[in-house]
Amino acid sequence: HSGNLAVLLADASAITQTIPINNGGCYYRLSFFAQGEGSQVGFTATVTFNTTVGDVEGGTMVVRQQDLTNSNRAWTYFQLITTQAPANATGITISILADTEADQNLILDDISLTAN
């Protein structure tokens, strides 16, 4: 999208990262650009807060296979605003799971997480 590199995920592949935080009580914005290589490409993006007593769901976005842009290599911008992070949050785990048919791929770029 904005550079020379992006992430390509095939069916049931995922990209996951855990980021340490020390500011519970904030809302977070996960944003990224995505496109499908094929007409049956979708994904599930999940944000989970890691706390001292267990994990807490912060938000989930599901894009069905037929709803992701795939023509002319166009990119679609997505963003997810989380629920408020628990006061005892120590980290955030972001996971994006591809849901594709055979020989089709999900491409992601410019993935960002910011506190609001």
N, C-alpha and C. Protein backbone atom coordinates (compact mmCIF):
# COMPACT_ATOMS: atom_id res chain seq x y z
N HIS A 1 0.82 -1.19 0.00
CA HIS A 1 0.00 0.00 0.00
C HIS A 1 0.86 1.25 0.00
N SER A 2 1.66 1.43 1.05
CA SER A 2 2.43 2.68 1.10
C SER A 2 3.93 2.45 0.96
N GLY A 3 4.33 1.23 0.69
CA GLY A 3 5.77 0.98 0.61
C GLY A 3 6.05 -0.21 -0.27
N ASN A 4 7.15 -0.88 0.02
CA ASN A 4 7.58 -2.01 -0.81
C ASN A 4 7.23 -3.36 -0.22
N LEU A 5 6.79 -3.42 1.04
CA LEU A 5 6.52 -4.69 1.70
C LEU A 5 5.11 -4.72 2.28
N ALA A 6 4.54 -5.91 2.33
CA ALA A 6 3.22 -6.14 2.94
C ALA A 6 3.22 -7.57 3.46
N VAL A 7 2.16 -7.95 4.16
CA VAL A 7 2.02 -9.30 4.68
C VAL A 7 1.02 -10.05 3.82
N LEU A 8 1.36 -11.25 3.37
CA LEU A 8 0.47 -12.09 2.59
C LEU A 8 0.12 -13.31 3.43
N LEU A 9 -1.18 -13.54 3.63
CA LEU A 9 -1.65 -14.67 4.42
C LEU A 9 -2.53 -15.57 3.56
N ALA A 10 -2.24 -16.87 3.58
CA ALA A 10 -3.08 -17.87 2.92
C ALA A 10 -4.13 -18.35 3.93
N ASP A 11 -5.01 -19.24 3.50
CA ASP A 11 -6.12 -19.69 4.33
C ASP A 11 -5.63 -20.25 5.67
N ALA A 12 -6.31 -19.81 6.71
CA ALA A 12 -6.06 -20.23 8.09
C ALA A 12 -4.72 -19.77 8.62
N SER A 13 -4.02 -18.92 7.87
CA SER A 13 -2.79 -18.31 8.38
C SER A 13 -3.18 -17.09 9.20
N ALA A 14 -2.32 -16.76 10.14
CA ALA A 14 -2.60 -15.60 11.00
C ALA A 14 -1.32 -14.84 11.27
N ILE A 15 -1.49 -13.58 11.56
CA ILE A 15 -0.41 -12.75 12.06
C ILE A 15 -0.84 -12.32 13.45
N THR A 16 0.06 -12.49 14.43
CA THR A 16 -0.27 -12.18 15.81
C THR A 16 0.91 -11.47 16.45
N GLN A 17 0.60 -10.45 17.25
CA GLN A 17 1.64 -9.75 17.99
C GLN A 17 1.10 -9.31 19.33
N THR A 18 1.93 -9.45 20.37
CA THR A 18 1.57 -8.94 21.69
C THR A 18 2.45 -7.74 22.00
N ILE A 19 1.81 -6.67 22.43
CA ILE A 19 2.49 -5.41 22.71
C ILE A 19 2.30 -5.07 24.18
N PRO A 20 3.38 -4.83 24.93
CA PRO A 20 3.22 -4.44 26.33
C PRO A 20 2.62 -3.03 26.44
N ILE A 21 1.75 -2.83 27.41
CA ILE A 21 1.20 -1.50 27.67
C ILE A 21 1.23 -1.24 29.17
N ASN A 22 1.13 0.03 29.52
CA ASN A 22 1.05 0.40 30.93
C ASN A 22 0.03 1.51 31.16
N ASN A 23 -0.91 1.63 30.23
CA ASN A 23 -1.93 2.67 30.38
C ASN A 23 -3.33 2.07 30.23
N GLY A 24 -3.72 1.30 31.25
CA GLY A 24 -5.09 0.81 31.30
C GLY A 24 -6.06 1.98 31.36
N GLY A 25 -7.28 1.72 30.95
CA GLY A 25 -8.28 2.78 30.94
C GLY A 25 -8.43 3.48 29.60
N CYS A 26 -7.50 3.24 28.68
CA CYS A 26 -7.55 3.85 27.36
C CYS A 26 -8.38 3.00 26.40
N TYR A 27 -8.80 3.62 25.33
CA TYR A 27 -9.35 2.92 24.17
C TYR A 27 -8.23 2.85 23.14
N TYR A 28 -8.24 1.82 22.31
CA TYR A 28 -7.21 1.67 21.30
C TYR A 28 -7.84 1.55 19.92
N ARG A 29 -7.09 2.02 18.91
CA ARG A 29 -7.53 1.93 17.52
C ARG A 29 -6.56 1.05 16.76
N LEU A 30 -7.07 -0.07 16.26
CA LEU A 30 -6.32 -0.93 15.35
C LEU A 30 -6.74 -0.52 13.94
N SER A 31 -5.77 -0.20 13.10
CA SER A 31 -6.10 0.17 11.72
C SER A 31 -5.12 -0.51 10.76
N PHE A 32 -5.60 -0.75 9.55
CA PHE A 32 -4.78 -1.39 8.52
C PHE A 32 -5.49 -1.32 7.18
N PHE A 33 -4.74 -1.58 6.13
CA PHE A 33 -5.29 -1.71 4.78
C PHE A 33 -5.25 -3.18 4.41
N ALA A 34 -6.27 -3.63 3.66
CA ALA A 34 -6.35 -5.03 3.25
C ALA A 34 -6.88 -5.13 1.83
N GLN A 35 -6.50 -6.23 1.17
CA GLN A 35 -7.06 -6.56 -0.14
C GLN A 35 -7.02 -8.06 -0.31
N GLY A 36 -7.90 -8.57 -1.14
CA GLY A 36 -7.93 -9.99 -1.42
C GLY A 36 -7.33 -10.30 -2.76
N GLU A 37 -6.61 -11.40 -2.83
CA GLU A 37 -6.16 -11.95 -4.11
C GLU A 37 -7.09 -13.11 -4.40
N GLY A 38 -8.20 -12.80 -5.03
CA GLY A 38 -9.26 -13.76 -5.30
C GLY A 38 -10.58 -13.20 -4.79
N SER A 39 -11.68 -13.82 -5.19
CA SER A 39 -13.01 -13.30 -4.84
C SER A 39 -13.56 -13.87 -3.54
N GLN A 40 -12.90 -14.85 -2.96
CA GLN A 40 -13.39 -15.47 -1.72
C GLN A 40 -12.34 -15.32 -0.62
N VAL A 41 -12.09 -14.07 -0.22
CA VAL A 41 -11.10 -13.76 0.81
C VAL A 41 -11.76 -12.92 1.89
N GLY A 42 -11.60 -13.35 3.12
CA GLY A 42 -12.11 -12.60 4.27
C GLY A 42 -11.11 -12.72 5.41
N PHE A 43 -11.47 -12.18 6.57
CA PHE A 43 -10.58 -12.26 7.72
C PHE A 43 -11.34 -11.97 9.01
N THR A 44 -10.71 -12.33 10.12
CA THR A 44 -11.18 -11.96 11.45
C THR A 44 -10.02 -11.29 12.16
N ALA A 45 -10.24 -10.07 12.64
CA ALA A 45 -9.24 -9.34 13.42
C ALA A 45 -9.72 -9.28 14.86
N THR A 46 -8.83 -9.61 15.79
CA THR A 46 -9.19 -9.65 17.21
C THR A 46 -8.17 -8.88 18.03
N VAL A 47 -8.66 -8.10 18.98
CA VAL A 47 -7.81 -7.41 19.94
C VAL A 47 -8.17 -7.94 21.32
N THR A 48 -7.16 -8.41 22.05
CA THR A 48 -7.36 -8.96 23.39
C THR A 48 -6.45 -8.23 24.36
N PHE A 49 -7.01 -7.80 25.50
CA PHE A 49 -6.21 -7.19 26.55
C PHE A 49 -5.67 -8.29 27.46
N ASN A 50 -4.39 -8.25 27.71
CA ASN A 50 -3.77 -9.19 28.65
C ASN A 50 -3.73 -8.49 30.00
N THR A 51 -4.26 -9.15 31.03
CA THR A 51 -4.29 -8.54 32.37
C THR A 51 -3.59 -9.46 33.36
N THR A 52 -3.45 -8.98 34.56
CA THR A 52 -2.79 -9.75 35.61
C THR A 52 -3.62 -10.95 36.05
N VAL A 53 -4.91 -10.98 35.69
CA VAL A 53 -5.78 -12.10 36.11
C VAL A 53 -6.37 -12.86 34.92
N GLY A 54 -5.89 -12.59 33.70
CA GLY A 54 -6.41 -13.30 32.53
C GLY A 54 -6.68 -12.35 31.38
N ASP A 55 -7.08 -12.91 30.25
CA ASP A 55 -7.32 -12.13 29.05
C ASP A 55 -8.76 -11.62 29.00
N VAL A 56 -8.91 -10.42 28.39
CA VAL A 56 -10.22 -9.78 28.24
C VAL A 56 -10.36 -9.35 26.79
N GLU A 57 -11.46 -9.73 26.15
CA GLU A 57 -11.67 -9.34 24.76
C GLU A 57 -11.85 -7.83 24.66
N GLY A 58 -11.12 -7.24 23.71
CA GLY A 58 -11.21 -5.79 23.48
C GLY A 58 -12.03 -5.46 22.25
N GLY A 59 -12.14 -6.40 21.32
CA GLY A 59 -12.94 -6.17 20.12
C GLY A 59 -12.61 -7.17 19.04
N THR A 60 -13.60 -7.41 18.17
CA THR A 60 -13.44 -8.33 17.05
C THR A 60 -14.12 -7.73 15.82
N MET A 61 -13.46 -7.88 14.67
CA MET A 61 -14.01 -7.46 13.39
C MET A 61 -13.98 -8.67 12.46
N VAL A 62 -15.12 -8.98 11.85
CA VAL A 62 -15.20 -10.09 10.90
C VAL A 62 -15.60 -9.52 9.54
N VAL A 63 -14.80 -9.82 8.53
CA VAL A 63 -15.14 -9.45 7.15
C VAL A 63 -15.32 -10.75 6.38
N ARG A 64 -16.54 -10.93 5.87
CA ARG A 64 -16.87 -12.16 5.14
C ARG A 64 -16.11 -12.24 3.82
N GLN A 65 -15.94 -13.46 3.33
CA GLN A 65 -15.16 -13.66 2.11
C GLN A 65 -15.61 -12.78 0.95
N GLN A 66 -16.87 -12.70 0.70
CA GLN A 66 -17.34 -11.96 -0.48
C GLN A 66 -17.36 -10.45 -0.29
N ASP A 67 -16.99 -9.96 0.90
CA ASP A 67 -17.08 -8.52 1.17
C ASP A 67 -15.76 -7.76 1.08
N LEU A 68 -14.65 -8.43 0.83
CA LEU A 68 -13.36 -7.75 0.76
C LEU A 68 -13.04 -7.37 -0.68
N THR A 69 -12.57 -6.14 -0.87
CA THR A 69 -12.21 -5.64 -2.20
C THR A 69 -11.15 -6.53 -2.83
N ASN A 70 -11.36 -6.87 -4.10
CA ASN A 70 -10.37 -7.70 -4.79
C ASN A 70 -10.14 -7.26 -6.23
N SER A 71 -10.77 -6.18 -6.67
CA SER A 71 -10.63 -5.77 -8.06
C SER A 71 -9.58 -4.66 -8.21
N ASN A 72 -8.85 -4.71 -9.29
CA ASN A 72 -7.85 -3.70 -9.63
C ASN A 72 -6.84 -3.47 -8.52
N ARG A 73 -6.59 -4.51 -7.71
CA ARG A 73 -5.61 -4.41 -6.63
C ARG A 73 -5.89 -3.23 -5.70
N ALA A 74 -7.16 -2.88 -5.53
CA ALA A 74 -7.55 -1.78 -4.66
C ALA A 74 -7.42 -2.19 -3.20
N TRP A 75 -7.09 -1.24 -2.35
CA TRP A 75 -6.96 -1.46 -0.91
C TRP A 75 -8.19 -0.91 -0.20
N THR A 76 -8.59 -1.56 0.87
CA THR A 76 -9.68 -1.07 1.72
C THR A 76 -9.10 -0.79 3.10
N TYR A 77 -9.50 0.35 3.67
CA TYR A 77 -9.04 0.75 5.00
C TYR A 77 -10.00 0.21 6.04
N PHE A 78 -9.46 -0.40 7.09
CA PHE A 78 -10.26 -0.92 8.19
C PHE A 78 -9.75 -0.36 9.51
N GLN A 79 -10.69 -0.14 10.43
CA GLN A 79 -10.28 0.24 11.78
C GLN A 79 -11.24 -0.35 12.78
N LEU A 80 -10.70 -0.68 13.93
CA LEU A 80 -11.45 -1.26 15.04
C LEU A 80 -11.12 -0.45 16.28
N ILE A 81 -12.13 0.11 16.93
CA ILE A 81 -11.95 0.81 18.20
C ILE A 81 -12.31 -0.18 19.30
N THR A 82 -11.40 -0.38 20.23
CA THR A 82 -11.61 -1.37 21.29
C THR A 82 -12.54 -0.83 22.37
N THR A 83 -12.94 -1.75 23.23
CA THR A 83 -13.57 -1.34 24.48
C THR A 83 -12.47 -0.72 25.34
N GLN A 84 -12.84 -0.16 26.46
CA GLN A 84 -11.85 0.46 27.35
C GLN A 84 -10.95 -0.62 27.96
N ALA A 85 -9.66 -0.38 27.91
CA ALA A 85 -8.71 -1.35 28.47
C ALA A 85 -8.90 -1.43 29.98
N PRO A 86 -8.87 -2.63 30.54
CA PRO A 86 -8.97 -2.76 31.99
C PRO A 86 -7.81 -2.03 32.68
N ALA A 87 -8.05 -1.57 33.88
CA ALA A 87 -7.03 -0.84 34.63
C ALA A 87 -5.77 -1.68 34.86
N ASN A 88 -5.92 -3.00 34.94
CA ASN A 88 -4.79 -3.88 35.20
C ASN A 88 -4.20 -4.50 33.91
N ALA A 89 -4.47 -3.88 32.77
CA ALA A 89 -3.95 -4.40 31.50
C ALA A 89 -2.43 -4.26 31.45
N THR A 90 -1.78 -5.31 31.02
CA THR A 90 -0.32 -5.31 30.90
C THR A 90 0.13 -5.43 29.45
N GLY A 91 -0.79 -5.80 28.56
CA GLY A 91 -0.45 -5.95 27.15
C GLY A 91 -1.69 -6.07 26.29
N ILE A 92 -1.46 -5.99 25.00
CA ILE A 92 -2.52 -6.15 24.01
C ILE A 92 -2.03 -7.16 22.98
N THR A 93 -2.87 -8.16 22.70
CA THR A 93 -2.56 -9.12 21.64
C THR A 93 -3.47 -8.84 20.46
N ILE A 94 -2.85 -8.64 19.31
CA ILE A 94 -3.57 -8.40 18.05
C ILE A 94 -3.40 -9.64 17.20
N SER A 95 -4.50 -10.12 16.62
CA SER A 95 -4.45 -11.28 15.76
C SER A 95 -5.34 -11.04 14.55
N ILE A 96 -4.81 -11.32 13.36
CA ILE A 96 -5.60 -11.23 12.13
C ILE A 96 -5.48 -12.59 11.45
N LEU A 97 -6.63 -13.25 11.29
CA LEU A 97 -6.71 -14.61 10.74
C LEU A 97 -7.35 -14.56 9.36
N ALA A 98 -6.66 -15.11 8.36
CA ALA A 98 -7.18 -15.15 6.99
C ALA A 98 -8.24 -16.23 6.85
N ASP A 99 -9.26 -15.94 6.06
CA ASP A 99 -10.31 -16.89 5.71
C ASP A 99 -10.45 -16.85 4.20
N THR A 100 -9.78 -17.80 3.52
CA THR A 100 -9.76 -17.78 2.06
C THR A 100 -10.06 -19.14 1.48
N GLU A 101 -10.44 -19.14 0.22
CA GLU A 101 -10.57 -20.39 -0.53
C GLU A 101 -9.19 -20.78 -1.06
N ALA A 102 -9.10 -21.96 -1.64
CA ALA A 102 -7.82 -22.48 -2.14
C ALA A 102 -7.16 -21.51 -3.11
N ASP A 103 -5.85 -21.37 -2.99
CA ASP A 103 -5.03 -20.54 -3.88
C ASP A 103 -5.42 -19.08 -3.88
N GLN A 104 -6.06 -18.59 -2.82
CA GLN A 104 -6.38 -17.18 -2.69
C GLN A 104 -5.70 -16.66 -1.41
N ASN A 105 -5.44 -15.36 -1.37
CA ASN A 105 -4.65 -14.79 -0.28
C ASN A 105 -5.23 -13.48 0.23
N LEU A 106 -4.90 -13.18 1.47
CA LEU A 106 -5.20 -11.90 2.11
C LEU A 106 -3.90 -11.13 2.19
N ILE A 107 -3.91 -9.86 1.76
CA ILE A 107 -2.73 -9.01 1.85
C ILE A 107 -3.05 -7.87 2.82
N LEU A 108 -2.14 -7.63 3.78
CA LEU A 108 -2.30 -6.59 4.79
C LEU A 108 -1.12 -5.63 4.73
N ASP A 109 -1.39 -4.35 5.01
CA ASP A 109 -0.31 -3.37 5.05
C ASP A 109 -0.67 -2.24 5.99
N ASP A 110 0.36 -1.54 6.44
CA ASP A 110 0.23 -0.36 7.31
C ASP A 110 -0.59 -0.65 8.56
N ILE A 111 -0.31 -1.77 9.22
CA ILE A 111 -1.00 -2.14 10.44
C ILE A 111 -0.52 -1.23 11.57
N SER A 112 -1.46 -0.65 12.31
CA SER A 112 -1.10 0.32 13.36
C SER A 112 -2.03 0.14 14.56
N LEU A 113 -1.48 0.36 15.74
CA LEU A 113 -2.27 0.36 16.98
C LEU A 113 -1.92 1.64 17.73
N THR A 114 -2.94 2.45 18.04
CA THR A 114 -2.71 3.70 18.76
C THR A 114 -3.70 3.82 19.91
N ALA A 115 -3.25 4.46 20.97
CA ALA A 115 -4.12 4.72 22.12
C ALA A 115 -4.92 5.98 21.84
N ASN A 116 -6.20 5.96 22.25
CA ASN A 116 -7.07 7.12 22.06
C ASN A 116 -7.48 7.67 23.40
